[in-house]
Amino acid sequence: MRLVHITDKADRIIKNLSKGYRQRVGFA
């Protein structure tokens, strides 16, 4: 999560994320 810069989104539900952050979760 640190590598793809989504640490602050760790407890967010994925469907509430922007497309860019969903893509980062895919990278993760």
mmCIF file of all heavy atoms, coordinates in Angstrom:
data_MODEL
# 
_entry.id   MODEL 
# 
loop_
_atom_site.group_PDB 
_atom_site.id 
_atom_site.type_symbol 
_atom_site.label_atom_id 
_atom_site.label_alt_id 
_atom_site.label_comp_id 
_atom_site.label_asym_id 
_atom_site.label_entity_id 
_atom_site.label_seq_id 
_atom_site.pdbx_PDB_ins_code 
_atom_site.Cartn_x 
_atom_site.Cartn_y 
_atom_site.Cartn_z 
_atom_site.occupancy 
_atom_site.B_iso_or_equiv 
_atom_site.pdbx_formal_charge 
_atom_site.auth_seq_id 
_atom_site.auth_comp_id 
_atom_site.auth_asym_id 
_atom_site.auth_atom_id 
_atom_site.pdbx_PDB_model_num 
ATOM 1   N N   . MET A 1 1  ? 0.828   -1.206 0.000   1.00 0.00 ? 1  MET A N   1 
ATOM 2   C CA  . MET A 1 1  ? 0.000   0.000  0.000   1.00 0.00 ? 1  MET A CA  1 
ATOM 3   C C   . MET A 1 1  ? 0.866   1.262  0.000   1.00 0.00 ? 1  MET A C   1 
ATOM 4   O O   . MET A 1 1  ? 0.534   2.257  -0.646  1.00 0.00 ? 1  MET A O   1 
ATOM 5   C CB  . MET A 1 1  ? -0.954  -0.004 1.208   1.00 0.00 ? 1  MET A CB  1 
ATOM 6   C CG  . MET A 1 1  ? -2.075  -1.017 1.094   1.00 0.00 ? 1  MET A CG  1 
ATOM 7   S SD  . MET A 1 1  ? -3.416  -0.770 2.297   1.00 0.00 ? 1  MET A SD  1 
ATOM 8   C CE  . MET A 1 1  ? -2.554  -1.080 3.850   1.00 0.00 ? 1  MET A CE  1 
ATOM 9   N N   . ARG A 1 2  ? 1.981   1.211  0.715   1.00 0.00 ? 2  ARG A N   1 
ATOM 10  C CA  . ARG A 1 2  ? 2.893   2.354  0.723   1.00 0.00 ? 2  ARG A CA  1 
ATOM 11  C C   . ARG A 1 2  ? 3.475   2.597  -0.668  1.00 0.00 ? 2  ARG A C   1 
ATOM 12  O O   . ARG A 1 2  ? 3.571   3.740  -1.122  1.00 0.00 ? 2  ARG A O   1 
ATOM 13  C CB  . ARG A 1 2  ? 4.013   2.113  1.732   1.00 0.00 ? 2  ARG A CB  1 
ATOM 14  C CG  . ARG A 1 2  ? 4.964   3.307  1.900   1.00 0.00 ? 2  ARG A CG  1 
ATOM 15  C CD  . ARG A 1 2  ? 6.196   2.931  2.685   1.00 0.00 ? 2  ARG A CD  1 
ATOM 16  N NE  . ARG A 1 2  ? 7.019   1.975  1.960   1.00 0.00 ? 2  ARG A NE  1 
ATOM 17  C CZ  . ARG A 1 2  ? 7.832   2.310  0.971   1.00 0.00 ? 2  ARG A CZ  1 
ATOM 18  N NH1 . ARG A 1 2  ? 7.920   3.566  0.561   1.00 0.00 ? 2  ARG A NH1 1 
ATOM 19  N NH2 . ARG A 1 2  ? 8.550   1.382  0.364   1.00 0.00 ? 2  ARG A NH2 1 
ATOM 20  N N   . LEU A 1 3  ? 3.849   1.524  -1.360  1.00 0.00 ? 3  LEU A N   1 
ATOM 21  C CA  . LEU A 1 3  ? 4.444   1.636  -2.683  1.00 0.00 ? 3  LEU A CA  1 
ATOM 22  C C   . LEU A 1 3  ? 3.513   2.322  -3.681  1.00 0.00 ? 3  LEU A C   1 
ATOM 23  O O   . LEU A 1 3  ? 3.955   3.117  -4.512  1.00 0.00 ? 3  LEU A O   1 
ATOM 24  C CB  . LEU A 1 3  ? 4.825   0.252  -3.223  1.00 0.00 ? 3  LEU A CB  1 
ATOM 25  C CG  . LEU A 1 3  ? 6.119   -0.371 -2.714  1.00 0.00 ? 3  LEU A CG  1 
ATOM 26  C CD1 . LEU A 1 3  ? 6.243   -1.802 -3.217  1.00 0.00 ? 3  LEU A CD1 1 
ATOM 27  C CD2 . LEU A 1 3  ? 7.326   0.455  -3.167  1.00 0.00 ? 3  LEU A CD2 1 
ATOM 28  N N   . VAL A 1 4  ? 2.217   2.011  -3.604  1.00 0.00 ? 4  VAL A N   1 
ATOM 29  C CA  . VAL A 1 4  ? 1.270   2.570  -4.576  1.00 0.00 ? 4  VAL A CA  1 
ATOM 30  C C   . VAL A 1 4  ? 0.473   3.747  -4.009  1.00 0.00 ? 4  VAL A C   1 
ATOM 31  O O   . VAL A 1 4  ? -0.479  4.217  -4.628  1.00 0.00 ? 4  VAL A O   1 
ATOM 32  C CB  . VAL A 1 4  ? 0.306   1.473  -5.109  1.00 0.00 ? 4  VAL A CB  1 
ATOM 33  C CG1 . VAL A 1 4  ? 1.086   0.367  -5.777  1.00 0.00 ? 4  VAL A CG1 1 
ATOM 34  C CG2 . VAL A 1 4  ? -0.570  0.902  -4.004  1.00 0.00 ? 4  VAL A CG2 1 
ATOM 35  N N   . HIS A 1 5  ? 0.878   4.204  -2.824  1.00 0.00 ? 5  HIS A N   1 
ATOM 36  C CA  . HIS A 1 5  ? 0.309   5.414  -2.210  1.00 0.00 ? 5  HIS A CA  1 
ATOM 37  C C   . HIS A 1 5  ? -1.196  5.309  -1.959  1.00 0.00 ? 5  HIS A C   1 
ATOM 38  O O   . HIS A 1 5  ? -1.970  6.195  -2.346  1.00 0.00 ? 5  HIS A O   1 
ATOM 39  C CB  . HIS A 1 5  ? 0.612   6.636  -3.089  1.00 0.00 ? 5  HIS A CB  1 
ATOM 40  C CG  . HIS A 1 5  ? 2.065   6.831  -3.372  1.00 0.00 ? 5  HIS A CG  1 
ATOM 41  N ND1 . HIS A 1 5  ? 2.996   7.175  -2.406  1.00 0.00 ? 5  HIS A ND1 1 
ATOM 42  C CD2 . HIS A 1 5  ? 2.781   6.701  -4.523  1.00 0.00 ? 5  HIS A CD2 1 
ATOM 43  C CE1 . HIS A 1 5  ? 4.198   7.261  -2.952  1.00 0.00 ? 5  HIS A CE1 1 
ATOM 44  N NE2 . HIS A 1 5  ? 4.100   6.972  -4.229  1.00 0.00 ? 5  HIS A NE2 1 
ATOM 45  N N   . ILE A 1 6  ? -1.582  4.216  -1.318  1.00 0.00 ? 6  ILE A N   1 
ATOM 46  C CA  . ILE A 1 6  ? -3.001  4.077  -0.936  1.00 0.00 ? 6  ILE A CA  1 
ATOM 47  C C   . ILE A 1 6  ? -3.153  3.769  0.561   1.00 0.00 ? 6  ILE A C   1 
ATOM 48  O O   . ILE A 1 6  ? -4.221  3.350  0.993   1.00 0.00 ? 6  ILE A O   1 
ATOM 49  C CB  . ILE A 1 6  ? -3.718  2.972  -1.755  1.00 0.00 ? 6  ILE A CB  1 
ATOM 50  C CG1 . ILE A 1 6  ? -2.997  1.616  -1.622  1.00 0.00 ? 6  ILE A CG1 1 
ATOM 51  C CG2 . ILE A 1 6  ? -3.853  3.377  -3.214  1.00 0.00 ? 6  ILE A CG2 1 
ATOM 52  C CD1 . ILE A 1 6  ? -3.756  0.460  -2.229  1.00 0.00 ? 6  ILE A CD1 1 
ATOM 53  N N   . THR A 1 7  ? -2.106  4.020  1.351   1.00 0.00 ? 7  THR A N   1 
ATOM 54  C CA  . THR A 1 7  ? -2.161  3.721  2.789   1.00 0.00 ? 7  THR A CA  1 
ATOM 55  C C   . THR A 1 7  ? -3.317  4.440  3.461   1.00 0.00 ? 7  THR A C   1 
ATOM 56  O O   . THR A 1 7  ? -4.021  3.873  4.310   1.00 0.00 ? 7  THR A O   1 
ATOM 57  C CB  . THR A 1 7  ? -0.832  4.110  3.466   1.00 0.00 ? 7  THR A CB  1 
ATOM 58  O OG1 . THR A 1 7  ? 0.239   3.397  2.833   1.00 0.00 ? 7  THR A OG1 1 
ATOM 59  C CG2 . THR A 1 7  ? -0.855  3.759  4.942   1.00 0.00 ? 7  THR A CG2 1 
ATOM 60  N N   . ASP A 1 8  ? -3.559  5.694  3.048   1.00 0.00 ? 8  ASP A N   1 
ATOM 61  C CA  . ASP A 1 8  ? -4.639  6.459  3.681   1.00 0.00 ? 8  ASP A CA  1 
ATOM 62  C C   . ASP A 1 8  ? -6.027  6.018  3.215   1.00 0.00 ? 8  ASP A C   1 
ATOM 63  O O   . ASP A 1 8  ? -7.047  6.506  3.734   1.00 0.00 ? 8  ASP A O   1 
ATOM 64  C CB  . ASP A 1 8  ? -4.451  7.959  3.421   1.00 0.00 ? 8  ASP A CB  1 
ATOM 65  C CG  . ASP A 1 8  ? -4.445  8.304  1.947   1.00 0.00 ? 8  ASP A CG  1 
ATOM 66  O OD1 . ASP A 1 8  ? -4.167  7.404  1.121   1.00 0.00 ? 8  ASP A OD1 1 
ATOM 67  O OD2 . ASP A 1 8  ? -4.726  9.479  1.601   1.00 0.00 ? 8  ASP A OD2 1 
ATOM 68  N N   . LYS A 1 9  ? -6.085  5.102  2.249   1.00 0.00 ? 9  LYS A N   1 
ATOM 69  C CA  . LYS A 1 9  ? -7.374  4.578  1.768   1.00 0.00 ? 9  LYS A CA  1 
ATOM 70  C C   . LYS A 1 9  ? -7.619  3.148  2.264   1.00 0.00 ? 9  LYS A C   1 
ATOM 71  O O   . LYS A 1 9  ? -8.580  2.508  1.827   1.00 0.00 ? 9  LYS A O   1 
ATOM 72  C CB  . LYS A 1 9  ? -7.411  4.576  0.234   1.00 0.00 ? 9  LYS A CB  1 
ATOM 73  C CG  . LYS A 1 9  ? -7.004  5.883  -0.415  1.00 0.00 ? 9  LYS A CG  1 
ATOM 74  C CD  . LYS A 1 9  ? -7.945  7.020  -0.077  1.00 0.00 ? 9  LYS A CD  1 
ATOM 75  C CE  . LYS A 1 9  ? -7.503  8.290  -0.783  1.00 0.00 ? 9  LYS A CE  1 
ATOM 76  N NZ  . LYS A 1 9  ? -8.335  9.464  -0.389  1.00 0.00 ? 9  LYS A NZ  1 
ATOM 77  N N   . ALA A 1 10 ? -6.789  2.653  3.174   1.00 0.00 ? 10 ALA A N   1 
ATOM 78  C CA  . ALA A 1 10 ? -6.829  1.246  3.567   1.00 0.00 ? 10 ALA A CA  1 
ATOM 79  C C   . ALA A 1 10 ? -8.199  0.800  4.075   1.00 0.00 ? 10 ALA A C   1 
ATOM 80  O O   . ALA A 1 10 ? -8.622  -0.338 3.818   1.00 0.00 ? 10 ALA A O   1 
ATOM 81  C CB  . ALA A 1 10 ? -5.770  0.965  4.639   1.00 0.00 ? 10 ALA A CB  1 
ATOM 82  N N   . ASP A 1 11 ? -8.903  1.672  4.750   1.00 0.00 ? 11 ASP A N   1 
ATOM 83  C CA  . ASP A 1 11 ? -10.188 1.287  5.335   1.00 0.00 ? 11 ASP A CA  1 
ATOM 84  C C   . ASP A 1 11 ? -11.386 1.828  4.558   1.00 0.00 ? 11 ASP A C   1 
ATOM 85  O O   . ASP A 1 11 ? -12.525 1.758  5.038   1.00 0.00 ? 11 ASP A O   1 
ATOM 86  C CB  . ASP A 1 11 ? -10.244 1.752  6.802   1.00 0.00 ? 11 ASP A CB  1 
ATOM 87  C CG  . ASP A 1 11 ? -9.167  1.080  7.655   1.00 0.00 ? 11 ASP A CG  1 
ATOM 88  O OD1 . ASP A 1 11 ? -8.968  -0.141 7.497   1.00 0.00 ? 11 ASP A OD1 1 
ATOM 89  O OD2 . ASP A 1 11 ? -8.515  1.789  8.442   1.00 0.00 ? 11 ASP A OD2 1 
ATOM 90  N N   . ARG A 1 12 ? -11.132 2.332  3.365   1.00 0.00 ? 12 ARG A N   1 
ATOM 91  C CA  . ARG A 1 12 ? -12.216 2.791  2.506   1.00 0.00 ? 12 ARG A CA  1 
ATOM 92  C C   . ARG A 1 12 ? -12.780 1.628  1.699   1.00 0.00 ? 12 ARG A C   1 
ATOM 93  O O   . ARG A 1 12 ? -12.054 0.732  1.265   1.00 0.00 ? 12 ARG A O   1 
ATOM 94  C CB  . ARG A 1 12 ? -11.719 3.862  1.532   1.00 0.00 ? 12 ARG A CB  1 
ATOM 95  C CG  . ARG A 1 12 ? -11.301 5.167  2.182   1.00 0.00 ? 12 ARG A CG  1 
ATOM 96  C CD  . ARG A 1 12 ? -12.491 6.067  2.470   1.00 0.00 ? 12 ARG A CD  1 
ATOM 97  N NE  . ARG A 1 12 ? -13.266 6.364  1.270   1.00 0.00 ? 12 ARG A NE  1 
ATOM 98  C CZ  . ARG A 1 12 ? -12.961 7.349  0.431   1.00 0.00 ? 12 ARG A CZ  1 
ATOM 99  N NH1 . ARG A 1 12 ? -11.907 8.130  0.650   1.00 0.00 ? 12 ARG A NH1 1 
ATOM 100 N NH2 . ARG A 1 12 ? -13.727 7.569  -0.624  1.00 0.00 ? 12 ARG A NH2 1 
ATOM 101 N N   . ILE A 1 13 ? -14.100 1.631  1.471   1.00 0.00 ? 13 ILE A N   1 
ATOM 102 C CA  . ILE A 1 13 ? -14.713 0.621  0.612   1.00 0.00 ? 13 ILE A CA  1 
ATOM 103 C C   . ILE A 1 13 ? -14.361 0.957  -0.837  1.00 0.00 ? 13 ILE A C   1 
ATOM 104 O O   . ILE A 1 13 ? -14.442 2.116  -1.268  1.00 0.00 ? 13 ILE A O   1 
ATOM 105 C CB  . ILE A 1 13 ? -16.236 0.593  0.814   1.00 0.00 ? 13 ILE A CB  1 
ATOM 106 C CG1 . ILE A 1 13 ? -16.552 0.138  2.244   1.00 0.00 ? 13 ILE A CG1 1 
ATOM 107 C CG2 . ILE A 1 13 ? -16.899 -0.347 -0.201  1.00 0.00 ? 13 ILE A CG2 1 
ATOM 108 C CD1 . ILE A 1 13 ? -18.016 0.210  2.602   1.00 0.00 ? 13 ILE A CD1 1 
ATOM 109 N N   . ILE A 1 14 ? -13.963 -0.042 -1.598  1.00 0.00 ? 14 ILE A N   1 
ATOM 110 C CA  . ILE A 1 14 ? -13.401 0.180  -2.929  1.00 0.00 ? 14 ILE A CA  1 
ATOM 111 C C   . ILE A 1 14 ? -14.386 0.882  -3.862  1.00 0.00 ? 14 ILE A C   1 
ATOM 112 O O   . ILE A 1 14 ? -13.997 1.738  -4.658  1.00 0.00 ? 14 ILE A O   1 
ATOM 113 C CB  . ILE A 1 14 ? -12.924 -1.153 -3.535  1.00 0.00 ? 14 ILE A CB  1 
ATOM 114 C CG1 . ILE A 1 14 ? -11.739 -1.697 -2.731  1.00 0.00 ? 14 ILE A CG1 1 
ATOM 115 C CG2 . ILE A 1 14 ? -12.524 -0.996 -5.003  1.00 0.00 ? 14 ILE A CG2 1 
ATOM 116 C CD1 . ILE A 1 14 ? -11.297 -3.098 -3.122  1.00 0.00 ? 14 ILE A CD1 1 
ATOM 117 N N   . LYS A 1 15 ? -15.669 0.568  -3.781  1.00 0.00 ? 15 LYS A N   1 
ATOM 118 C CA  . LYS A 1 15 ? -16.636 1.180  -4.694  1.00 0.00 ? 15 LYS A CA  1 
ATOM 119 C C   . LYS A 1 15 ? -16.775 2.678  -4.474  1.00 0.00 ? 15 LYS A C   1 
ATOM 120 O O   . LYS A 1 15 ? -17.279 3.397  -5.346  1.00 0.00 ? 15 LYS A O   1 
ATOM 121 C CB  . LYS A 1 15 ? -17.995 0.501  -4.580  1.00 0.00 ? 15 LYS A CB  1 
ATOM 122 C CG  . LYS A 1 15 ? -18.731 0.739  -3.276  1.00 0.00 ? 15 LYS A CG  1 
ATOM 123 C CD  . LYS A 1 15 ? -20.062 -0.014 -3.275  1.00 0.00 ? 15 LYS A CD  1 
ATOM 124 C CE  . LYS A 1 15 ? -20.808 0.115  -1.954  1.00 0.00 ? 15 LYS A CE  1 
ATOM 125 N NZ  . LYS A 1 15 ? -22.060 -0.668 -1.956  1.00 0.00 ? 15 LYS A NZ  1 
ATOM 126 N N   . ASN A 1 16 ? -16.297 3.180  -3.338  1.00 0.00 ? 16 ASN A N   1 
ATOM 127 C CA  . ASN A 1 16 ? -16.360 4.610  -3.058  1.00 0.00 ? 16 ASN A CA  1 
ATOM 128 C C   . ASN A 1 16 ? -15.095 5.356  -3.491  1.00 0.00 ? 16 ASN A C   1 
ATOM 129 O O   . ASN A 1 16 ? -15.003 6.568  -3.304  1.00 0.00 ? 16 ASN A O   1 
ATOM 130 C CB  . ASN A 1 16 ? -16.596 4.840  -1.559  1.00 0.00 ? 16 ASN A CB  1 
ATOM 131 C CG  . ASN A 1 16 ? -17.949 4.328  -1.104  1.00 0.00 ? 16 ASN A CG  1 
ATOM 132 O OD1 . ASN A 1 16 ? -18.902 4.301  -1.879  1.00 0.00 ? 16 ASN A OD1 1 
ATOM 133 N ND2 . ASN A 1 16 ? -18.045 3.895  0.145   1.00 0.00 ? 16 ASN A ND2 1 
ATOM 134 N N   . LEU A 1 17 ? -14.137 4.645  -4.071  1.00 0.00 ? 17 LEU A N   1 
ATOM 135 C CA  . LEU A 1 17 ? -12.894 5.263  -4.524  1.00 0.00 ? 17 LEU A CA  1 
ATOM 136 C C   . LEU A 1 17 ? -13.033 5.775  -5.958  1.00 0.00 ? 17 LEU A C   1 
ATOM 137 O O   . LEU A 1 17 ? -13.842 5.267  -6.739  1.00 0.00 ? 17 LEU A O   1 
ATOM 138 C CB  . LEU A 1 17 ? -11.744 4.252  -4.466  1.00 0.00 ? 17 LEU A CB  1 
ATOM 139 C CG  . LEU A 1 17 ? -11.365 3.709  -3.090  1.00 0.00 ? 17 LEU A CG  1 
ATOM 140 C CD1 . LEU A 1 17 ? -10.255 2.671  -3.235  1.00 0.00 ? 17 LEU A CD1 1 
ATOM 141 C CD2 . LEU A 1 17 ? -10.926 4.835  -2.152  1.00 0.00 ? 17 LEU A CD2 1 
ATOM 142 N N   . SER A 1 18 ? -12.214 6.746  -6.313  1.00 0.00 ? 18 SER A N   1 
ATOM 143 C CA  . SER A 1 18 ? -12.162 7.228  -7.695  1.00 0.00 ? 18 SER A CA  1 
ATOM 144 C C   . SER A 1 18 ? -11.538 6.163  -8.584  1.00 0.00 ? 18 SER A C   1 
ATOM 145 O O   . SER A 1 18 ? -10.900 5.216  -8.108  1.00 0.00 ? 18 SER A O   1 
ATOM 146 C CB  . SER A 1 18 ? -11.327 8.506  -7.774  1.00 0.00 ? 18 SER A CB  1 
ATOM 147 O OG  . SER A 1 18 ? -9.959  8.209  -7.522  1.00 0.00 ? 18 SER A OG  1 
ATOM 148 N N   . LYS A 1 19 ? -11.689 6.345  -9.901  1.00 0.00 ? 19 LYS A N   1 
ATOM 149 C CA  . LYS A 1 19 ? -11.117 5.390  -10.851 1.00 0.00 ? 19 LYS A CA  1 
ATOM 150 C C   . LYS A 1 19 ? -9.602  5.291  -10.712 1.00 0.00 ? 19 LYS A C   1 
ATOM 151 O O   . LYS A 1 19 ? -9.018  4.213  -10.805 1.00 0.00 ? 19 LYS A O   1 
ATOM 152 C CB  . LYS A 1 19 ? -11.491 5.775  -12.285 1.00 0.00 ? 19 LYS A CB  1 
ATOM 153 C CG  . LYS A 1 19 ? -11.035 4.763  -13.327 1.00 0.00 ? 19 LYS A CG  1 
ATOM 154 C CD  . LYS A 1 19 ? -11.586 5.090  -14.693 1.00 0.00 ? 19 LYS A CD  1 
ATOM 155 C CE  . LYS A 1 19 ? -11.106 4.098  -15.747 1.00 0.00 ? 19 LYS A CE  1 
ATOM 156 N NZ  . LYS A 1 19 ? -11.505 2.717  -15.476 1.00 0.00 ? 19 LYS A NZ  1 
ATOM 157 N N   . GLY A 1 20 ? -8.963  6.443  -10.468 1.00 0.00 ? 20 GLY A N   1 
ATOM 158 C CA  . GLY A 1 20 ? -7.516  6.439  -10.299 1.00 0.00 ? 20 GLY A CA  1 
ATOM 159 C C   . GLY A 1 20 ? -7.079  5.615  -9.102  1.00 0.00 ? 20 GLY A C   1 
ATOM 160 O O   . GLY A 1 20 ? -6.100  4.859  -9.179  1.00 0.00 ? 20 GLY A O   1 
ATOM 161 N N   . TYR A 1 21 ? -7.784  5.742  -7.989  1.00 0.00 ? 21 TYR A N   1 
ATOM 162 C CA  . TYR A 1 21 ? -7.434  4.971  -6.797  1.00 0.00 ? 21 TYR A CA  1 
ATOM 163 C C   . TYR A 1 21 ? -7.787  3.489  -6.968  1.00 0.00 ? 21 TYR A C   1 
ATOM 164 O O   . TYR A 1 21 ? -7.082  2.615  -6.465  1.00 0.00 ? 21 TYR A O   1 
ATOM 165 C CB  . TYR A 1 21 ? -8.101  5.556  -5.551  1.00 0.00 ? 21 TYR A CB  1 
ATOM 166 C CG  . TYR A 1 21 ? -7.281  6.655  -4.935  1.00 0.00 ? 21 TYR A CG  1 
ATOM 167 C CD1 . TYR A 1 21 ? -7.672  7.988  -5.028  1.00 0.00 ? 21 TYR A CD1 1 
ATOM 168 C CD2 . TYR A 1 21 ? -6.089  6.363  -4.261  1.00 0.00 ? 21 TYR A CD2 1 
ATOM 169 C CE1 . TYR A 1 21 ? -6.910  9.002  -4.477  1.00 0.00 ? 21 TYR A CE1 1 
ATOM 170 C CE2 . TYR A 1 21 ? -5.316  7.370  -3.703  1.00 0.00 ? 21 TYR A CE2 1 
ATOM 171 C CZ  . TYR A 1 21 ? -5.729  8.690  -3.816  1.00 0.00 ? 21 TYR A CZ  1 
ATOM 172 O OH  . TYR A 1 21 ? -4.954  9.691  -3.271  1.00 0.00 ? 21 TYR A OH  1 
ATOM 173 N N   . ARG A 1 22 ? -8.866  3.206  -7.697  1.00 0.00 ? 22 ARG A N   1 
ATOM 174 C CA  . ARG A 1 22 ? -9.171  1.794  -7.979  1.00 0.00 ? 22 ARG A CA  1 
ATOM 175 C C   . ARG A 1 22 ? -8.039  1.163  -8.793  1.00 0.00 ? 22 ARG A C   1 
ATOM 176 O O   . ARG A 1 22 ? -7.674  0.005  -8.579  1.00 0.00 ? 22 ARG A O   1 
ATOM 177 C CB  . ARG A 1 22 ? -10.496 1.681  -8.741  1.00 0.00 ? 22 ARG A CB  1 
ATOM 178 C CG  . ARG A 1 22 ? -11.717 2.041  -7.919  1.00 0.00 ? 22 ARG A CG  1 
ATOM 179 C CD  . ARG A 1 22 ? -12.981 1.638  -8.657  1.00 0.00 ? 22 ARG A CD  1 
ATOM 180 N NE  . ARG A 1 22 ? -14.165 2.224  -8.057  1.00 0.00 ? 22 ARG A NE  1 
ATOM 181 C CZ  . ARG A 1 22 ? -15.411 1.861  -8.360  1.00 0.00 ? 22 ARG A CZ  1 
ATOM 182 N NH1 . ARG A 1 22 ? -15.617 0.928  -9.278  1.00 0.00 ? 22 ARG A NH1 1 
ATOM 183 N NH2 . ARG A 1 22 ? -16.445 2.436  -7.770  1.00 0.00 ? 22 ARG A NH2 1 
ATOM 184 N N   . GLN A 1 23 ? -7.490  1.945  -9.728  1.00 0.00 ? 23 GLN A N   1 
ATOM 185 C CA  . GLN A 1 23 ? -6.377  1.445  -10.527 1.00 0.00 ? 23 GLN A CA  1 
ATOM 186 C C   . GLN A 1 23 ? -5.169  1.162  -9.632  1.00 0.00 ? 23 GLN A C   1 
ATOM 187 O O   . GLN A 1 23 ? -4.457  0.166  -9.815  1.00 0.00 ? 23 GLN A O   1 
ATOM 188 C CB  . GLN A 1 23 ? -6.013  2.460  -11.612 1.00 0.00 ? 23 GLN A CB  1 
ATOM 189 C CG  . GLN A 1 23 ? -5.203  1.888  -12.759 1.00 0.00 ? 23 GLN A CG  1 
ATOM 190 C CD  . GLN A 1 23 ? -6.054  1.076  -13.727 1.00 0.00 ? 23 GLN A CD  1 
ATOM 191 O OE1 . GLN A 1 23 ? -7.209  0.789  -13.460 1.00 0.00 ? 23 GLN A OE1 1 
ATOM 192 N NE2 . GLN A 1 23 ? -5.474  0.701  -14.839 1.00 0.00 ? 23 GLN A NE2 1 
ATOM 193 N N   . ARG A 1 24 ? -4.938  2.003  -8.645  1.00 0.00 ? 24 ARG A N   1 
ATOM 194 C CA  . ARG A 1 24 ? -3.837  1.783  -7.706  1.00 0.00 ? 24 ARG A CA  1 
ATOM 195 C C   . ARG A 1 24 ? -4.063  0.520  -6.876  1.00 0.00 ? 24 ARG A C   1 
ATOM 196 O O   . ARG A 1 24 ? -3.112  -0.217 -6.590  1.00 0.00 ? 24 ARG A O   1 
ATOM 197 C CB  . ARG A 1 24 ? -3.671  2.989  -6.789  1.00 0.00 ? 24 ARG A CB  1 
ATOM 198 C CG  . ARG A 1 24 ? -3.095  4.198  -7.479  1.00 0.00 ? 24 ARG A CG  1 
ATOM 199 C CD  . ARG A 1 24 ? -3.014  5.378  -6.523  1.00 0.00 ? 24 ARG A CD  1 
ATOM 200 N NE  . ARG A 1 24 ? -2.465  6.537  -7.197  1.00 0.00 ? 24 ARG A NE  1 
ATOM 201 C CZ  . ARG A 1 24 ? -1.183  6.829  -7.263  1.00 0.00 ? 24 ARG A CZ  1 
ATOM 202 N NH1 . ARG A 1 24 ? -0.299  6.025  -6.684  1.00 0.00 ? 24 ARG A NH1 1 
ATOM 203 N NH2 . ARG A 1 24 ? -0.761  7.905  -7.892  1.00 0.00 ? 24 ARG A NH2 1 
ATOM 204 N N   . VAL A 1 25 ? -5.315  0.285  -6.502  1.00 0.00 ? 25 VAL A N   1 
ATOM 205 C CA  . VAL A 1 25 ? -5.621  -0.954 -5.767  1.00 0.00 ? 25 VAL A CA  1 
ATOM 206 C C   . VAL A 1 25 ? -5.340  -2.158 -6.669  1.00 0.00 ? 25 VAL A C   1 
ATOM 207 O O   . VAL A 1 25 ? -4.828  -3.190 -6.214  1.00 0.00 ? 25 VAL A O   1 
ATOM 208 C CB  . VAL A 1 25 ? -7.084  -0.961 -5.269  1.00 0.00 ? 25 VAL A CB  1 
ATOM 209 C CG1 . VAL A 1 25 ? -7.412  -2.286 -4.581  1.00 0.00 ? 25 VAL A CG1 1 
ATOM 210 C CG2 . VAL A 1 25 ? -7.319  0.193  -4.292  1.00 0.00 ? 25 VAL A CG2 1 
ATOM 211 N N   . GLY A 1 26 ? -5.665  -2.021 -7.965  1.00 0.00 ? 26 GLY A N   1 
ATOM 212 C CA  . GLY A 1 26 ? -5.329  -3.080 -8.912  1.00 0.00 ? 26 GLY A CA  1 
ATOM 213 C C   . GLY A 1 26 ? -3.833  -3.322 -8.982  1.00 0.00 ? 26 GLY A C   1 
ATOM 214 O O   . GLY A 1 26 ? -3.370  -4.472 -9.028  1.00 0.00 ? 26 GLY A O   1 
ATOM 215 N N   . PHE A 1 27 ? -3.043  -2.251 -8.989  1.00 0.00 ? 27 PHE A N   1 
ATOM 216 C CA  . PHE A 1 27 ? -1.583  -2.399 -8.943  1.00 0.00 ? 27 PHE A CA  1 
ATOM 217 C C   . PHE A 1 27 ? -1.163  -3.109 -7.667  1.00 0.00 ? 27 PHE A C   1 
ATOM 218 O O   . PHE A 1 27 ? -0.278  -3.979 -7.681  1.00 0.00 ? 27 PHE A O   1 
ATOM 219 C CB  . PHE A 1 27 ? -0.915  -1.024 -8.993  1.00 0.00 ? 27 PHE A CB  1 
ATOM 220 C CG  . PHE A 1 27 ? -0.551  -0.581 -10.369 1.00 0.00 ? 27 PHE A CG  1 
ATOM 221 C CD1 . PHE A 1 27 ? -1.345  0.324  -11.058 1.00 0.00 ? 27 PHE A CD1 1 
ATOM 222 C CD2 . PHE A 1 27 ? 0.594   -1.053 -10.977 1.00 0.00 ? 27 PHE A CD2 1 
ATOM 223 C CE1 . PHE A 1 27 ? -1.013  0.745  -12.322 1.00 0.00 ? 27 PHE A CE1 1 
ATOM 224 C CE2 . PHE A 1 27 ? 0.940   -0.635 -12.250 1.00 0.00 ? 27 PHE A CE2 1 
ATOM 225 C CZ  . PHE A 1 27 ? 0.135   0.261  -12.928 1.00 0.00 ? 27 PHE A CZ  1 
ATOM 226 N N   . ALA A 1 28 ? -1.786  -2.752 -6.554  1.00 0.00 ? 28 ALA A N   1 
ATOM 227 C CA  . ALA A 1 28 ? -1.416  -3.351 -5.274  1.00 0.00 ? 28 ALA A CA  1 
ATOM 228 C C   . ALA A 1 28 ? -1.629  -4.863 -5.289  1.00 0.00 ? 28 ALA A C   1 
ATOM 229 O O   . ALA A 1 28 ? -0.764  -5.634 -4.840  1.00 0.00 ? 28 ALA A O   1 
ATOM 230 C CB  . ALA A 1 28 ? -2.223  -2.707 -4.142  1.00 0.00 ? 28 ALA A CB  1 
# 
